[in-house]
């Protein structure tokens, strides 16, 4: 197995872990356990970003071009919509 394949495989695995943490955190009522999951998620996010930066430097991972200011504003607007705009009361 090539180094590139290993790095991309690990990045994919961490991405899956991060998605799992979102579920664990949102469904955990115990504050101590919730905090533990949040700390684990934070550590994995840092690890993922550090590994991503290495992969990008080595040319293993290419990102899309920067979004235009208009595109960023559209995303921001959609993400900051009030609950009423999202079909919630």
Protein backbone atom coordinates (compact mmCIF):
# COMPACT_ATOMS: atom_id res chain seq x y z
CA UNK A 1 0.00 0.00 0.00
CA UNK A 2 1.31 3.43 -0.94
CA UNK A 3 1.73 6.21 1.65
CA UNK A 4 -0.87 8.31 -0.18
CA UNK A 5 -3.44 5.51 0.10
CA UNK A 6 -2.77 5.09 3.81
CA UNK A 7 -3.07 8.83 4.50
CA UNK A 8 -6.32 9.14 2.54
CA UNK A 9 -7.71 6.03 4.23
CA UNK A 10 -6.94 7.44 7.69
CA UNK A 11 -8.49 10.78 6.74
CA UNK A 12 -11.65 8.96 5.65
CA UNK A 13 -11.76 6.98 8.88
CA UNK A 14 -11.38 10.07 11.03
CA UNK A 15 -14.12 11.78 9.02
CA UNK A 16 -16.43 8.88 9.89
CA UNK A 17 -15.45 9.13 13.56
CA UNK A 18 -16.27 12.83 13.61
CA UNK A 19 -19.74 12.14 12.24
CA UNK A 20 -20.24 9.52 14.95
CA UNK A 21 -19.23 11.96 17.68
CA UNK A 22 -21.99 14.33 16.57
CA UNK A 23 -24.54 11.59 17.19
CA UNK A 24 -23.01 10.50 20.52
CA UNK A 25 -22.81 14.06 21.82
CA UNK A 26 -26.35 14.99 20.82
CA UNK A 27 -27.80 11.83 22.38
CA UNK A 28 -25.83 11.80 25.64
CA UNK A 29 -27.59 13.14 28.72
CA UNK A 30 -24.76 12.54 31.19
CA UNK A 31 -22.71 15.78 31.33
CA UNK A 32 -19.42 14.02 32.14
CA UNK A 33 -19.77 11.53 29.30
CA UNK A 34 -20.89 14.29 26.95
CA UNK A 35 -17.79 16.33 27.83
CA UNK A 36 -15.59 13.27 27.26
CA UNK A 37 -17.06 12.77 23.79
CA UNK A 38 -16.56 16.47 23.04
CA UNK A 39 -12.91 16.27 24.09
CA UNK A 40 -12.40 13.17 21.95
CA UNK A 41 -14.04 14.91 18.99
CA UNK A 42 -11.85 17.99 19.48
CA UNK A 43 -8.73 15.82 19.50
CA UNK A 44 -9.79 13.98 16.36
CA UNK A 45 -10.60 17.28 14.62
CA UNK A 46 -7.09 18.55 15.38
CA UNK A 47 -5.53 15.26 14.23
CA UNK A 48 -7.61 15.31 11.03
CA UNK A 49 -6.59 18.88 10.22
CA UNK A 50 -2.91 18.23 10.90
CA UNK A 51 -2.95 15.13 8.70
CA UNK A 52 -4.90 16.97 6.01
CA UNK A 53 -2.26 19.73 5.94
CA UNK A 54 0.48 17.10 5.48
CA UNK A 55 -1.53 15.40 2.72
CA UNK A 56 -2.10 18.72 0.99
CA UNK A 57 1.61 19.62 1.14
CA UNK A 58 2.55 16.25 -0.38
CA UNK A 59 -0.02 16.67 -3.15
CA UNK A 60 -2.18 13.78 -1.90
CA UNK A 61 -5.23 15.92 -1.33
CA UNK A 62 -6.40 18.77 -3.55
CA UNK A 63 -8.98 21.24 -2.35
CA UNK A 64 -11.51 23.06 -4.44
CA UNK A 65 -10.88 26.68 -5.38
CA UNK A 66 -11.86 29.37 -2.89
CA UNK A 67 -15.51 30.32 -2.89
CA UNK A 68 -16.50 33.77 -4.05
CA UNK A 69 -17.69 36.30 -1.45
CA UNK A 70 -21.20 35.92 -2.90
CA UNK A 71 -21.14 32.14 -2.47
CA UNK A 72 -19.84 32.45 1.11
CA UNK A 73 -22.59 34.93 1.94
CA UNK A 74 -25.24 32.58 0.54
CA UNK A 75 -23.96 29.71 2.68
CA UNK A 76 -23.74 31.94 5.75
CA UNK A 77 -27.30 33.15 5.20
CA UNK A 78 -28.63 29.61 4.85
CA UNK A 79 -26.78 28.41 7.97
CA UNK A 80 -27.88 31.32 10.14
CA UNK A 81 -31.55 31.13 9.19
CA UNK A 82 -33.90 31.34 12.14
CA UNK A 83 -35.72 28.16 13.17
CA UNK A 84 -38.92 29.57 11.67
CA UNK A 85 -37.23 29.60 8.26
CA UNK A 86 -36.18 26.00 8.75
CA UNK A 87 -39.69 24.71 9.34
CA UNK A 88 -39.30 24.71 13.14
CA UNK A 89 -41.31 26.51 15.75
